[in-house]
PDB file of N, CA and C in Angstrom:
ATOM      1  N   MET A   1     -12.663 -12.420  18.309  1.00  0.00           N
ATOM      2  CA  MET A   1     -11.799 -12.499  17.948  1.00  0.00           C
ATOM      3  C   MET A   1     -11.097 -12.032  19.580  1.00  0.00           C
ATOM      4  N   ASN A   2      -9.931 -12.626  19.708  1.00  0.00           N
ATOM      5  CA  ASN A   2      -9.585 -11.992  20.836  1.00  0.00           C
ATOM      6  C   ASN A   2      -8.662 -10.360  20.801  1.00  0.00           C
ATOM      7  N   ALA A   3      -7.560 -10.485  22.248  1.00  0.00           N
ATOM      8  CA  ALA A   3      -6.458  -9.513  21.885  1.00  0.00           C
ATOM      9  C   ALA A   3      -5.694  -9.261  21.394  1.00  0.00           C
ATOM     10  N   PHE A   4      -4.927 -10.603  21.156  1.00  0.00           N
ATOM     11  CA  PHE A   4      -3.740 -10.474  19.961  1.00  0.00           C
ATOM     12  C   PHE A   4      -4.533 -10.671  18.678  1.00  0.00           C
ATOM     13  N   ASP A   5      -5.500 -10.973  18.270  1.00  0.00           N
ATOM     14  CA  ASP A   5      -5.818 -11.523  16.856  1.00  0.00           C
ATOM     15  C   ASP A   5      -6.284  -9.655  16.164  1.00  0.00           C
ATOM     16  N   LEU A   6      -6.797  -8.515  17.504  1.00  0.00           N
ATOM     17  CA  LEU A   6      -7.188  -7.441  16.940  1.00  0.00           C
ATOM     18  C   LEU A   6      -5.830  -6.601  17.437  1.00  0.00           C
ATOM     19  N   THR A   7      -4.673  -6.543  18.457  1.00  0.00           N
ATOM     20  CA  THR A   7      -4.025  -6.047  17.733  1.00  0.00           C
ATOM     21  C   THR A   7      -3.019  -6.110  16.765  1.00  0.00           C
ATOM     22  N   PHE A   8      -3.041  -7.287  16.068  1.00  0.00           N
ATOM     23  CA  PHE A   8      -1.939  -7.766  14.862  1.00  0.00           C
ATOM     24  C   PHE A   8      -2.801  -7.597  14.063  1.00  0.00           C
ATOM     25  N   PHE A   9      -4.239  -7.364  13.721  1.00  0.00           N
ATOM     26  CA  PHE A   9      -4.984  -6.625  12.490  1.00  0.00           C
ATOM     27  C   PHE A   9      -4.535  -4.926  12.752  1.00  0.00           C
ATOM     28  N   GLY A  10      -4.656  -4.550  13.845  1.00  0.00           N
ATOM     29  CA  GLY A  10      -4.105  -3.174  13.749  1.00  0.00           C
ATOM     30  C   GLY A  10      -2.870  -2.866  13.361  1.00  0.00           C
ATOM     31  N   LEU A  11      -2.005  -3.966  14.084  1.00  0.00           N
ATOM     32  CA  LEU A  11      -0.487  -3.771  13.438  1.00  0.00           C
ATOM     33  C   LEU A  11      -0.290  -3.211  11.661  1.00  0.00           C
ATOM     34  N   THR A  12      -0.965  -5.268  10.761  1.00  0.00           N
ATOM     35  CA  THR A  12      -1.306  -4.833  10.345  1.00  0.00           C
ATOM     36  C   THR A  12      -1.793  -3.571   9.197  1.00  0.00           C
ATOM     37  N   ALA A  13      -2.891  -3.232   9.577  1.00  0.00           N
ATOM     38  CA  ALA A  13      -2.771  -2.438   8.506  1.00  0.00           C
ATOM     39  C   ALA A  13      -2.842  -1.058   8.808  1.00  0.00           C
ATOM     40  N   LEU A  14      -1.873  -0.767  10.133  1.00  0.00           N
ATOM     41  CA  LEU A  14      -1.614   0.881  10.083  1.00  0.00           C
ATOM     42  C   LEU A  14      -0.228  -0.090   9.527  1.00  0.00           C
ATOM     43  N   LEU A  15       0.268  -1.141   9.003  1.00  0.00           N
ATOM     44  CA  LEU A  15       1.835  -0.653   7.949  1.00  0.00           C
ATOM     45  C   LEU A  15       1.507  -0.298   6.457  1.00  0.00           C
ATOM     46  N   VAL A  16      -0.070  -0.933   6.204  1.00  0.00           N
ATOM     47  CA  VAL A  16      -0.427  -1.364   4.896  1.00  0.00           C
ATOM     48  C   VAL A  16      -0.643  -0.023   4.625  1.00  0.00           C
ATOM     49  N   LEU A  17      -1.322   1.427   5.603  1.00  0.00           N
ATOM     50  CA  LEU A  17      -1.736   2.312   5.244  1.00  0.00           C
ATOM     51  C   LEU A  17      -0.556   3.126   5.147  1.00  0.00           C
ATOM     52  N   LEU A  18       0.078   3.326   5.984  1.00  0.00           N
ATOM     53  CA  LEU A  18       1.181   4.091   6.159  1.00  0.00           C
ATOM     54  C   LEU A  18       2.279   3.941   5.169  1.00  0.00           C
ATOM     55  N   GLY A  19       2.776   2.501   4.538  1.00  0.00           N
ATOM     56  CA  GLY A  19       3.362   2.337   3.900  1.00  0.00           C
ATOM     57  C   GLY A  19       2.120   2.991   2.286  1.00  0.00           C
ATOM     58  N   GLY A  20       1.371   2.310   2.046  1.00  0.00           N
ATOM     59  CA  GLY A  20       0.650   2.601   0.831  1.00  0.00           C
ATOM     60  C   GLY A  20       0.872   4.865   0.770  1.00  0.00           C
ATOM     61  N   VAL A  21       1.027   5.170   1.943  1.00  0.00           N
ATOM     62  CA  VAL A  21       0.675   6.962   1.979  1.00  0.00           C
ATOM     63  C   VAL A  21       2.555   6.933   1.660  1.00  0.00           C
ATOM     64  N   GLY A  22       3.254   6.146   2.285  1.00  0.00           N
ATOM     65  CA  GLY A  22       4.764   6.476   1.986  1.00  0.00           C
ATOM     66  C   GLY A  22       5.301   6.026   1.037  1.00  0.00           C
ATOM     67  N   THR A  23       4.620   5.140  -0.081  1.00  0.00           N
ATOM     68  CA  THR A  23       4.594   5.192  -1.294  1.00  0.00           C
ATOM     69  C   THR A  23       4.273   6.202  -2.207  1.00  0.00           C
ATOM     70  N   VAL A  24       3.049   6.478  -2.336  1.00  0.00           N
ATOM     71  CA  VAL A  24       2.915   7.691  -2.977  1.00  0.00           C
ATOM     72  C   VAL A  24       3.252   8.860  -2.680  1.00  0.00           C
ATOM     73  N   ALA A  25       3.269   9.744  -0.959  1.00  0.00           N
ATOM     74  CA  ALA A  25       3.528  11.075  -1.024  1.00  0.00           C
ATOM     75  C   ALA A  25       5.082  10.879  -0.637  1.00  0.00           C
ATOM     76  N   ALA A  26       6.045   9.814  -1.511  1.00  0.00           N
ATOM     77  CA  ALA A  26       7.574  10.147  -1.033  1.00  0.00           C
ATOM     78  C   ALA A  26       7.933  11.119  -2.379  1.00  0.00           C
ATOM     79  N   LYS A  27       9.281  11.030  -2.365  1.00  0.00           N
ATOM     80  CA  LYS A  27       9.846  12.206  -3.335  1.00  0.00           C
ATOM     81  C   LYS A  27      10.803  10.894  -3.352  1.00  0.00           C
ATOM     82  N   ASN A  28      11.614  10.833  -2.887  1.00  0.00           N
ATOM     83  CA  ASN A  28      12.764   9.873  -3.642  1.00  0.00           C
ATOM     84  C   ASN A  28      12.279   8.958  -3.842  1.00  0.00           C
ATOM     85  N   PRO A  29      12.791   8.226  -4.840  1.00  0.00           N
ATOM     86  CA  PRO A  29      12.110   6.737  -5.396  1.00  0.00           C
ATOM     87  C   PRO A  29      12.194   5.667  -4.600  1.00  0.00           C
ATOM     88  N   ILE A  30      13.386   5.873  -4.241  1.00  0.00           N
ATOM     89  CA  ILE A  30      13.749   5.048  -3.201  1.00  0.00           C
ATOM     90  C   ILE A  30      12.969   4.636  -1.719  1.00  0.00           C
ATOM     91  N   ARG A  31      12.713   5.535  -1.080  1.00  0.00           N
ATOM     92  CA  ARG A  31      11.713   5.943   0.056  1.00  0.00           C
ATOM     93  C   ARG A  31      10.299   5.495  -0.249  1.00  0.00           C
ATOM     94  N   GLY A  32       9.861   5.475  -1.605  1.00  0.00           N
ATOM     95  CA  GLY A  32       8.724   5.114  -2.434  1.00  0.00           C
ATOM     96  C   GLY A  32       8.532   3.563  -2.732  1.00  0.00           C
ATOM     97  N   ALA A  33       9.655   3.365  -3.130  1.00  0.00           N
ATOM     98  CA  ALA A  33      10.382   1.666  -2.970  1.00  0.00           C
ATOM     99  C   ALA A  33       9.698   0.884  -1.613  1.00  0.00           C
ATOM    100  N   MET A  34      10.878   1.193  -0.454  1.00  0.00           N
ATOM    101  CA  MET A  34      11.286   1.512   1.174  1.00  0.00           C
ATOM    102  C   MET A  34       9.359   1.003   1.615  1.00  0.00           C
ATOM    103  N   GLY A  35       8.354   1.684   1.238  1.00  0.00           N
ATOM    104  CA  GLY A  35       6.960   2.263   1.745  1.00  0.00           C
ATOM    105  C   GLY A  35       6.091   1.325   0.920  1.00  0.00           C
ATOM    106  N   LEU A  36       6.656   0.453  -0.815  1.00  0.00           N
ATOM    107  CA  LEU A  36       6.083   0.492  -1.249  1.00  0.00           C
ATOM    108  C   LEU A  36       5.974  -1.703  -0.330  1.00  0.00           C
ATOM    109  N   LEU A  37       7.471  -1.916   0.182  1.00  0.00           N
ATOM    110  CA  LEU A  37       7.674  -2.738   0.808  1.00  0.00           C
ATOM    111  C   LEU A  37       6.910  -2.671   1.794  1.00  0.00           C
ATOM    112  N   THR A  38       6.856  -2.380   2.377  1.00  0.00           N
ATOM    113  CA  THR A  38       6.142  -2.039   3.994  1.00  0.00           C
ATOM    114  C   THR A  38       4.878  -2.835   3.522  1.00  0.00           C
ATOM    115  N   THR A  39       4.255  -2.078   2.733  1.00  0.00           N
ATOM    116  CA  THR A  39       3.210  -2.597   2.430  1.00  0.00           C
ATOM    117  C   THR A  39       2.820  -4.079   2.109  1.00  0.00           C
ATOM    118  N   ILE A  40       3.732  -4.114   1.376  1.00  0.00           N
ATOM    119  CA  ILE A  40       3.445  -5.325   0.880  1.00  0.00           C
ATOM    120  C   ILE A  40       3.432  -6.928   2.448  1.00  0.00           C
ATOM    121  N   VAL A  41       4.205  -6.208   3.074  1.00  0.00           N
ATOM    122  CA  VAL A  41       4.543  -7.082   4.662  1.00  0.00           C
ATOM    123  C   VAL A  41       3.823  -6.851   4.983  1.00  0.00           C
ATOM    124  N   GLY A  42       2.497  -5.670   5.258  1.00  0.00           N
ATOM    125  CA  GLY A  42       1.480  -5.561   6.046  1.00  0.00           C
ATOM    126  C   GLY A  42       0.414  -6.777   5.147  1.00  0.00           C
ATOM    127  N   ILE A  43       0.266  -6.831   3.978  1.00  0.00           N
ATOM    128  CA  ILE A  43      -0.840  -7.505   2.888  1.00  0.00           C
ATOM    129  C   ILE A  43      -0.137  -9.282   3.666  1.00  0.00           C
ATOM    130  N   ALA A  44       1.412  -9.259   3.625  1.00  0.00           N
ATOM    131  CA  ALA A  44       1.074 -10.413   3.779  1.00  0.00           C
ATOM    132  C   ALA A  44       0.630 -11.457   5.898  1.00  0.00           C
ATOM    133  N   GLY A  45       0.699 -10.100   6.297  1.00  0.00           N
ATOM    134  CA  GLY A  45       0.219 -10.145   7.888  1.00  0.00           C
ATOM    135  C   GLY A  45      -1.339 -10.088   7.421  1.00  0.00           C
ATOM    136  N   MET A  46      -1.884 -10.212   6.600  1.00  0.00           N
ATOM    137  CA  MET A  46      -3.224  -9.932   6.893  1.00  0.00           C
ATOM    138  C   MET A  46      -3.635 -11.290   6.368  1.00  0.00           C
ATOM    139  N   TYR A  47      -2.394 -11.978   4.923  1.00  0.00           N
ATOM    140  CA  TYR A  47      -2.272 -13.387   4.643  1.00  0.00           C
ATOM    141  C   TYR A  47      -2.429 -14.127   5.904  1.00  0.00           C
ATOM    142  N   LEU A  48      -1.858 -14.032   6.281  1.00  0.00           N
ATOM    143  CA  LEU A  48      -0.819 -14.594   7.970  1.00  0.00           C
ATOM    144  C   LEU A  48      -2.270 -14.940   8.641  1.00  0.00           C
ATOM    145  N   GLN A  49      -3.623 -13.347   9.072  1.00  0.00           N
ATOM    146  CA  GLN A  49      -4.138 -13.690   9.871  1.00  0.00           C
ATOM    147  C   GLN A  49      -5.347 -14.161   9.526  1.00  0.00           C
ATOM    148  N   LEU A  50      -5.371 -14.685   8.399  1.00  0.00           N
ATOM    149  CA  LEU A  50      -6.637 -15.553   7.216  1.00  0.00           C
ATOM    150  C   LEU A  50      -6.350 -16.720   7.885  1.00  0.00           C
ATOM    151  N   SER A  51      -4.975 -17.423   7.659  1.00  0.00           N
ATOM    152  CA  SER A  51      -4.567 -19.032   7.996  1.00  0.00           C
ATOM    153  C   SER A  51      -4.000 -19.315   6.831  1.00  0.00           C
ATOM    154  N   ALA A  52      -3.825 -17.548   5.911  1.00  0.00           N
ATOM    155  CA  ALA A  52      -3.213 -18.045   4.261  1.00  0.00           C
ATOM    156  C   ALA A  52      -1.102 -17.738   4.680  1.00  0.00           C
ATOM    157  N   GLU A  53      -1.307 -19.266   4.813  1.00  0.00           N
ATOM    158  CA  GLU A  53       0.429 -18.553   5.054  1.00  0.00           C
ATOM    159  C   GLU A  53       1.221 -18.798   4.274  1.00  0.00           C
ATOM    160  N   PHE A  54       0.167 -19.730   2.793  1.00  0.00           N
ATOM    161  CA  PHE A  54       0.759 -19.965   1.473  1.00  0.00           C
ATOM    162  C   PHE A  54       0.999 -18.529   0.453  1.00  0.00           C
ATOM    163  N   LEU A  55       0.237 -18.216   1.035  1.00  0.00           N
ATOM    164  CA  LEU A  55      -0.403 -16.699   0.055  1.00  0.00           C
ATOM    165  C   LEU A  55       0.865 -15.640   0.672  1.00  0.00           C
ATOM    166  N   ALA A  56       1.050 -16.144   1.469  1.00  0.00           N
ATOM    167  CA  ALA A  56       1.619 -14.646   2.582  1.00  0.00           C
ATOM    168  C   ALA A  56       3.438 -15.687   2.473  1.00  0.00           C
ATOM    169  N   ALA A  57       3.363 -16.305   1.928  1.00  0.00           N
ATOM    170  CA  ALA A  57       5.131 -17.235   2.058  1.00  0.00           C
ATOM    171  C   ALA A  57       4.993 -15.756   0.167  1.00  0.00           C
ATOM    172  N   ILE A  58       4.140 -16.611  -0.529  1.00  0.00           N
ATOM    173  CA  ILE A  58       3.783 -16.178  -1.987  1.00  0.00           C
ATOM    174  C   ILE A  58       4.163 -14.806  -2.423  1.00  0.00           C
ATOM    175  N   GLN A  59       3.295 -13.816  -1.259  1.00  0.00           N
ATOM    176  CA  GLN A  59       3.767 -12.304  -0.958  1.00  0.00           C
ATOM    177  C   GLN A  59       5.037 -11.680  -0.727  1.00  0.00           C
ATOM    178  N   ILE A  60       5.639 -12.323   0.346  1.00  0.00           N
ATOM    179  CA  ILE A  60       7.451 -12.303   0.635  1.00  0.00           C
ATOM    180  C   ILE A  60       8.284 -12.647  -0.229  1.00  0.00           C
ATOM    181  N   ILE A  61       7.730 -14.059  -0.792  1.00  0.00           N
ATOM    182  CA  ILE A  61       9.042 -14.018  -1.761  1.00  0.00           C
ATOM    183  C   ILE A  61       9.124 -12.973  -2.996  1.00  0.00           C
ATOM    184  N   VAL A  62       7.452 -13.513  -3.675  1.00  0.00           N
ATOM    185  CA  VAL A  62       7.179 -13.156  -5.266  1.00  0.00           C
ATOM    186  C   VAL A  62       7.510 -11.410  -5.208  1.00  0.00           C
ATOM    187  N   TYR A  63       6.721 -11.062  -4.127  1.00  0.00           N
ATOM    188  CA  TYR A  63       6.411  -9.655  -4.440  1.00  0.00           C
ATOM    189  C   TYR A  63       7.891  -8.790  -3.470  1.00  0.00           C
ATOM    190  N   ALA A  64       7.877  -8.738  -2.067  1.00  0.00           N
ATOM    191  CA  ALA A  64       9.101  -7.958  -1.664  1.00  0.00           C
ATOM    192  C   ALA A  64      10.434  -8.897  -2.322  1.00  0.00           C
ATOM    193  N   GLY A  65      10.663 -10.297  -2.486  1.00  0.00           N
ATOM    194  CA  GLY A  65      12.069 -10.422  -3.285  1.00  0.00           C
ATOM    195  C   GLY A  65      11.792 -10.354  -4.409  1.00  0.00           C
ATOM    196  N   ALA A  66      11.036  -9.606  -5.325  1.00  0.00           N
ATOM    197  CA  ALA A  66      11.461 -10.384  -6.624  1.00  0.00           C
ATOM    198  C   ALA A  66      11.270  -8.864  -7.161  1.00  0.00           C
ATOM    199  N   VAL A  67       9.591  -8.031  -7.456  1.00  0.00           N
ATOM    200  CA  VAL A  67       9.069  -6.761  -7.564  1.00  0.00           C
ATOM    201  C   VAL A  67      10.058  -5.830  -6.902  1.00  0.00           C
ATOM    202  N   VAL A  68      10.208  -5.735  -5.735  1.00  0.00           N
ATOM    203  CA  VAL A  68      10.396  -4.519  -4.914  1.00  0.00           C
ATOM    204  C   VAL A  68      12.241  -4.517  -5.263  1.00  0.00           C
ATOM    205  N   VAL A  69      12.543  -5.705  -5.348  1.00  0.00           N
ATOM    206  CA  VAL A  69      14.545  -5.686  -6.027  1.00  0.00           C
ATOM    207  C   VAL A  69      14.533  -5.247  -7.396  1.00  0.00           C
ATOM    208  N   LEU A  70      13.984  -5.169  -8.042  1.00  0.00           N
ATOM    209  CA  LEU A  70      13.582  -4.843  -9.394  1.00  0.00           C
ATOM    210  C   LEU A  70      13.291  -3.630  -9.843  1.00  0.00           C
ATOM    211  N   PHE A  71      12.575  -3.347  -8.721  1.00  0.00           N
ATOM    212  CA  PHE A  71      12.218  -1.343  -8.348  1.00  0.00           C
ATOM    213  C   PHE A  71      13.691  -0.495  -8.232  1.00  0.00           C
ATOM    214  N   LEU A  72      14.232  -1.164  -6.774  1.00  0.00           N
ATOM    215  CA  LEU A  72      15.407  -1.193  -6.704  1.00  0.00           C
ATOM    216  C   LEU A  72      16.985  -0.961  -7.724  1.00  0.00           C
ATOM    217  N   PHE A  73      16.953  -2.164  -7.728  1.00  0.00           N
ATOM    218  CA  PHE A  73      17.225  -2.669  -9.400  1.00  0.00           C
ATOM    219  C   PHE A  73      17.375  -1.102 -10.043  1.00  0.00           C
ATOM    220  N   VAL A  74      16.174  -1.043 -11.127  1.00  0.00           N
ATOM    221  CA  VAL A  74      16.403  -0.083 -11.903  1.00  0.00           C
ATOM    222  C   VAL A  74      16.469   1.577 -11.715  1.00  0.00           C
ATOM    223  N   ILE A  75      15.624   1.879 -10.172  1.00  0.00           N
ATOM    224  CA  ILE A  75      16.069   2.436  -9.689  1.00  0.00           C
ATOM    225  C   ILE A  75      17.592   3.157  -9.446  1.00  0.00           C
ATOM    226  N   MET A  76      17.834   2.396  -9.051  1.00  0.00           N
ATOM    227  CA  MET A  76      19.557   2.780  -8.751  1.00  0.00           C
ATOM    228  C   MET A  76      20.469   1.967  -9.645  1.00  0.00           C
ATOM    229  N   LEU A  77      20.094   2.042 -11.077  1.00  0.00           N
ATOM    230  CA  LEU A  77      20.495   1.728 -12.254  1.00  0.00           C
ATOM    231  C   LEU A  77      20.908   3.429 -13.166  1.00  0.00           C
ATOM    232  N   LEU A  78      19.161   3.860 -13.059  1.00  0.00           N
ATOM    233  CA  LEU A  78      18.440   5.254 -13.566  1.00  0.00           C
ATOM    234  C   LEU A  78      19.258   6.273 -12.679  1.00  0.00           C
ATOM    235  N   GLY A  79      19.762   6.239 -11.393  1.00  0.00           N
ATOM    236  CA  GLY A  79      19.684   7.313 -10.811  1.00  0.00           C
ATOM    237  C   GLY A  79      18.956   7.400  -9.525  1.00  0.00           C
ATOM    238  N   PRO A  80      18.584   7.559  -8.675  1.00  0.00           N
ATOM    239  CA  PRO A  80      17.918   8.115  -7.335  1.00  0.00           C
ATOM    240  C   PRO A  80      17.383   9.588  -7.602  1.00  0.00           C
ATOM    241  N   SER A  81      17.669  10.481  -8.733  1.00  0.00           N
ATOM    242  CA  SER A  81      17.627  11.503  -9.154  1.00  0.00           C
ATOM    243  C   SER A  81      16.638  11.792 -10.342  1.00  0.00           C
ATOM    244  N   ALA A  82      16.742  10.423 -11.461  1.00  0.00           N
ATOM    245  CA  ALA A  82      16.151  10.810 -12.236  1.00  0.00           C
ATOM    246  C   ALA A  82      14.981  10.630 -12.761  1.00  0.00           C
ATOM    247  N   THR A  83      14.620  11.714 -12.773  1.00  0.00           N
ATOM    248  CA  THR A  83      13.124  12.820 -13.502  1.00  0.00           C
ATOM    249  C   THR A  83      12.695  13.039 -15.042  1.00  0.00           C
ATOM    250  N   THR A  84      11.276  12.779 -15.242  1.00  0.00           N
ATOM    251  CA  THR A  84      10.723  13.816 -16.398  1.00  0.00           C
ATOM    252  C   THR A  84      10.822  15.078 -16.056  1.00  0.00           C
ATOM    253  N   SER A  85      10.883  16.320 -17.497  1.00  0.00           N
ATOM    254  CA  SER A  85      11.329  17.166 -17.215  1.00  0.00           C
ATOM    255  C   SER A  85       9.723  18.095 -17.431  1.00  0.00           C
ATOM    256  N   ALA A  86       8.908  16.633 -18.226  1.00  0.00           N
ATOM    257  CA  ALA A  86       7.692  17.492 -18.740  1.00  0.00           C
ATOM    258  C   ALA A  86       6.765  16.588 -17.787  1.00  0.00           C
ATOM    259  N   GLY A  87       5.679  18.045 -17.142  1.00  0.00           N
ATOM    260  CA  GLY A  87       4.540  17.993 -16.203  1.00  0.00           C
ATOM    261  C   GLY A  87       4.990  17.587 -15.015  1.00  0.00           C
ATOM    262  N   ALA A  88       6.237  18.169 -14.589  1.00  0.00           N
ATOM    263  CA  ALA A  88       6.415  18.029 -13.458  1.00  0.00           C
ATOM    264  C   ALA A  88       6.223  18.921 -12.642  1.00  0.00           C
ATOM    265  N   ALA A  89       5.501  20.154 -12.754  1.00  0.00           N
ATOM    266  CA  ALA A  89       4.284  21.254 -12.043  1.00  0.00           C
ATOM    267  C   ALA A  89       3.685  20.286 -11.358  1.00  0.00           C
ATOM    268  N   GLY A  90       3.154  20.231 -12.332  1.00  0.00           N
ATOM    269  CA  GLY A  90       1.338  19.752 -11.838  1.00  0.00           C
ATOM    270  C   GLY A  90       0.941  17.974 -11.129  1.00  0.00           C
ATOM    271  N   THR A  91       2.750  17.372 -10.914  1.00  0.00           N
ATOM    272  CA  THR A  91       2.000  16.590  -9.686  1.00  0.00           C
ATOM    273  C   THR A  91       2.079  16.507  -8.741  1.00  0.00           C
ATOM    274  N   LYS A  92       1.771  17.596  -8.097  1.00  0.00           N
ATOM    275  CA  LYS A  92       1.577  17.483  -6.463  1.00  0.00           C
ATOM    276  C   LYS A  92       0.020  17.670  -6.586  1.00  0.00           C
ATOM    277  N   VAL A  93      -0.320  18.625  -7.458  1.00  0.00           N
ATOM    278  CA  VAL A  93      -1.417  18.918  -7.531  1.00  0.00           C
ATOM    279  C   VAL A  93      -2.428  17.463  -8.147  1.00  0.00           C
ATOM    280  N   SER A  94      -1.898  16.926  -8.878  1.00  0.00           N
ATOM    281  CA  SER A  94      -2.770  15.783  -9.306  1.00  0.00           C
ATOM    282  C   SER A  94      -2.805  14.515  -8.583  1.00  0.00           C
ATOM    283  N   ARG A  95      -1.578  14.281  -7.750  1.00  0.00           N
ATOM    284  CA  ARG A  95      -1.261  13.402  -6.529  1.00  0.00           C
ATOM    285  C   ARG A  95      -2.400  13.819  -5.717  1.00  0.00           C
ATOM    286  N   TYR A  96      -2.744  14.983  -4.556  1.00  0.00           N
ATOM    287  CA  TYR A  96      -3.619  15.278  -4.172  1.00  0.00           C
ATOM    288  C   TYR A  96      -5.368  15.074  -4.901  1.00  0.00           C
ATOM    289  N   PHE A  97      -5.096  15.560  -5.892  1.00  0.00           N
ATOM    290  CA  PHE A  97      -6.123  15.369  -6.780  1.00  0.00           C
ATOM    291  C   PHE A  97      -7.103  13.723  -6.428  1.00  0.00           C
ATOM    292  N   GLY A  98      -6.022  12.913  -6.813  1.00  0.00           N
ATOM    293  CA  GLY A  98      -6.432  11.367  -7.115  1.00  0.00           C
ATOM    294  C   GLY A  98      -6.416  10.351  -5.550  1.00  0.00           C
ATOM    295  N   ALA A  99      -5.545  10.932  -4.802  1.00  0.00           N
ATOM    296  CA  ALA A  99      -5.723  10.721  -3.133  1.00  0.00           C
ATOM    297  C   ALA A  99      -6.667  10.771  -2.722  1.00  0.00           C
ATOM    298  N   GLY A 100      -7.627  12.523  -3.333  1.00  0.00           N
ATOM    299  CA  GLY A 100      -8.834  12.976  -2.754  1.00  0.00           C
ATOM    300  C   GLY A 100      -9.835  11.934  -3.471  1.00  0.00           C
ATOM    301  N   VAL A 101     -10.088  11.761  -4.999  1.00  0.00           N
ATOM    302  CA  VAL A 101     -11.358  10.693  -5.259  1.00  0.00           C
ATOM    303  C   VAL A 101     -10.811   9.312  -5.115  1.00  0.00           C
ATOM    304  N   PHE A 102      -9.890   9.078  -4.490  1.00  0.00           N
ATOM    305  CA  PHE A 102     -10.129   7.480  -3.995  1.00  0.00           C
ATOM    306  C   PHE A 102     -10.375   7.604  -2.337  1.00  0.00           C
ATOM    307  N   LEU A 103     -10.095   8.535  -1.775  1.00  0.00           N
ATOM    308  CA  LEU A 103     -10.934   8.638  -0.055  1.00  0.00           C
ATOM    309  C   LEU A 103     -12.536   8.737  -0.514  1.00  0.00           C
ATOM    310  N   LEU A 104     -12.903   9.706  -1.363  1.00  0.00           N
ATOM    311  CA  LEU A 104     -13.888   9.696  -1.685  1.00  0.00           C
ATOM    312  C   LEU A 104     -15.061   8.940  -1.987  1.00  0.00           C
ATOM    313  N   SER A 105     -14.019   7.427  -3.183  1.00  0.00           N
ATOM    314  CA  SER A 105     -15.197   6.724  -3.581  1.00  0.00           C
ATOM    315  C   SER A 105     -14.577   5.356  -2.158  1.00  0.00           C
ATOM    316  N   ALA A 106     -13.045   5.276  -1.711  1.00  0.00           N
ATOM    317  CA  ALA A 106     -13.376   4.618  -0.567  1.00  0.00           C
ATOM    318  C   ALA A 106     -14.383   4.525   0.681  1.00  0.00           C
ATOM    319  N   VAL A 107     -14.534   5.927   0.952  1.00  0.00           N
ATOM    320  CA  VAL A 107     -15.468   5.976   1.928  1.00  0.00           C
ATOM    321  C   VAL A 107     -17.220   5.475   1.184  1.00  0.00           C
ATOM    322  N   GLY A 108     -17.279   6.032   0.121  1.00  0.00           N
ATOM    323  CA  GLY A 108     -18.988   5.921  -1.047  1.00  0.00           C
ATOM    324  C   GLY A 108     -19.254   4.097  -1.124  1.00  0.00           C
ATOM    325  N   ALA A 109     -17.841   3.328  -1.094  1.00  0.00           N
ATOM    326  CA  ALA A 109     -18.092   2.393  -1.225  1.00  0.00           C
ATOM    327  C   ALA A 109     -18.748   1.608   0.189  1.00  0.00           C
ATOM    328  N   MET A 110     -17.463   1.944   1.193  1.00  0.00           N
ATOM    329  CA  MET A 110     -17.841   1.458   2.543  1.00  0.00           C
ATOM    330  C   MET A 110     -19.630   1.967   3.103  1.00  0.00           C
ATOM    331  N   SER A 111     -19.589   3.074   2.666  1.00  0.00           N
ATOM    332  CA  SER A 111     -21.170   2.850   3.864  1.00  0.00           C
ATOM    333  C   SER A 111     -22.091   2.274   2.595  1.00  0.00           C
ATOM    334  N   LEU A 112     -21.495   2.243   1.099  1.00  0.00           N
ATOM    335  CA  LEU A 112     -22.535   0.758   0.244  1.00  0.00           C
ATOM    336  C   LEU A 112     -22.860   0.082   1.333  1.00  0.00           C
ATOM    337  N   LEU A 113     -21.571  -0.680   1.278  1.00  0.00           N
ATOM    338  CA  LEU A 113     -20.992  -1.888   2.223  1.00  0.00           C
ATOM    339  C   LEU A 113     -22.343  -2.213   3.522  1.00  0.00           C
ATOM    340  N   TRP A 114     -21.872  -0.657   4.360  1.00  0.00           N
ATOM    341  CA  TRP A 114     -23.060  -0.872   5.815  1.00  0.00           C
ATOM    342  C   TRP A 114     -24.020  -0.676   5.238  1.00  0.00           C
ATOM    343  N   ARG A 115     -24.508   0.234   4.190  1.00  0.00           N
ATOM    344  CA  ARG A 115     -25.792  -0.416   4.178  1.00  0.00           C
ATOM    345  C   ARG A 115     -26.952  -1.332   3.918  1.00  0.00           C
ATOM    346  N   THR A 116     -25.629  -1.900   2.983  1.00  0.00           N
ATOM    347  CA  THR A 116     -26.502  -2.824   2.206  1.00  0.00           C
ATOM    348  C   THR A 116     -26.320  -4.134   3.233  1.00  0.00           C
ATOM    349  N   ARG A 117     -24.932  -4.055   4.925  1.00  0.00           N
ATOM    350  CA  ARG A 117     -25.214  -5.467   5.914  1.00  0.00           C
ATOM    351  C   ARG A 117     -25.929  -4.339   6.917  1.00  0.00           C
ATOM    352  N   SER A 118     -27.186  -3.769   7.013  1.00  0.00           N
ATOM    353  CA  SER A 118     -28.113  -3.575   8.188  1.00  0.00           C
ATOM    354  C   SER A 118     -29.492  -3.467   7.688  1.00  0.00           C
ATOM    355  N   GLU A 119     -29.357  -3.863   6.094  1.00  0.00           N
ATOM    356  CA  GLU A 119     -30.613  -4.608   5.525  1.00  0.00           C
ATOM    357  C   GLU A 119     -30.930  -5.853   5.643  1.00  0.00           C
ATOM    358  N   ILE A 120     -29.899  -6.364   5.015  1.00  0.00           N
ATOM    359  CA  ILE A 120     -29.380  -7.900   5.258  1.00  0.00           C
ATOM    360  C   ILE A 120     -30.392  -8.391   6.349  1.00  0.00           C
ATOM    361  N   ALA A 121     -29.315  -7.610   7.680  1.00  0.00           N
ATOM    362  CA  ALA A 121     -29.577  -8.096   9.348  1.00  0.00           C
ATOM    363  C   ALA A 121     -30.733  -8.172  10.159  1.00  0.00           C
TER     364      ALA A 121
END
């Protein structure tokens, strides 16, 4: 793996991570949709690195071109400040709890993969 591939992977991984965090942490739904768009572009870049140009094009056309635009259309139709009144107080706690559970499960999965890889080699 040369320096360009490593730099490109780092950039796409950063786009995916920042876009995902931006999607979950955004209070404004329009910014959440833009975080989703950033994640989708990063995933398309990862497909390009895997030499899957067709999947990268489909990722951009279908998800970025259709799904994110549909989300934005619905957000604009409802209004960016449209919220539900029920359960609005516990959303921050449940978001952080869900993020913590996801992080712990991701670390656990990575450690299992690392152990399995070292046992095979």
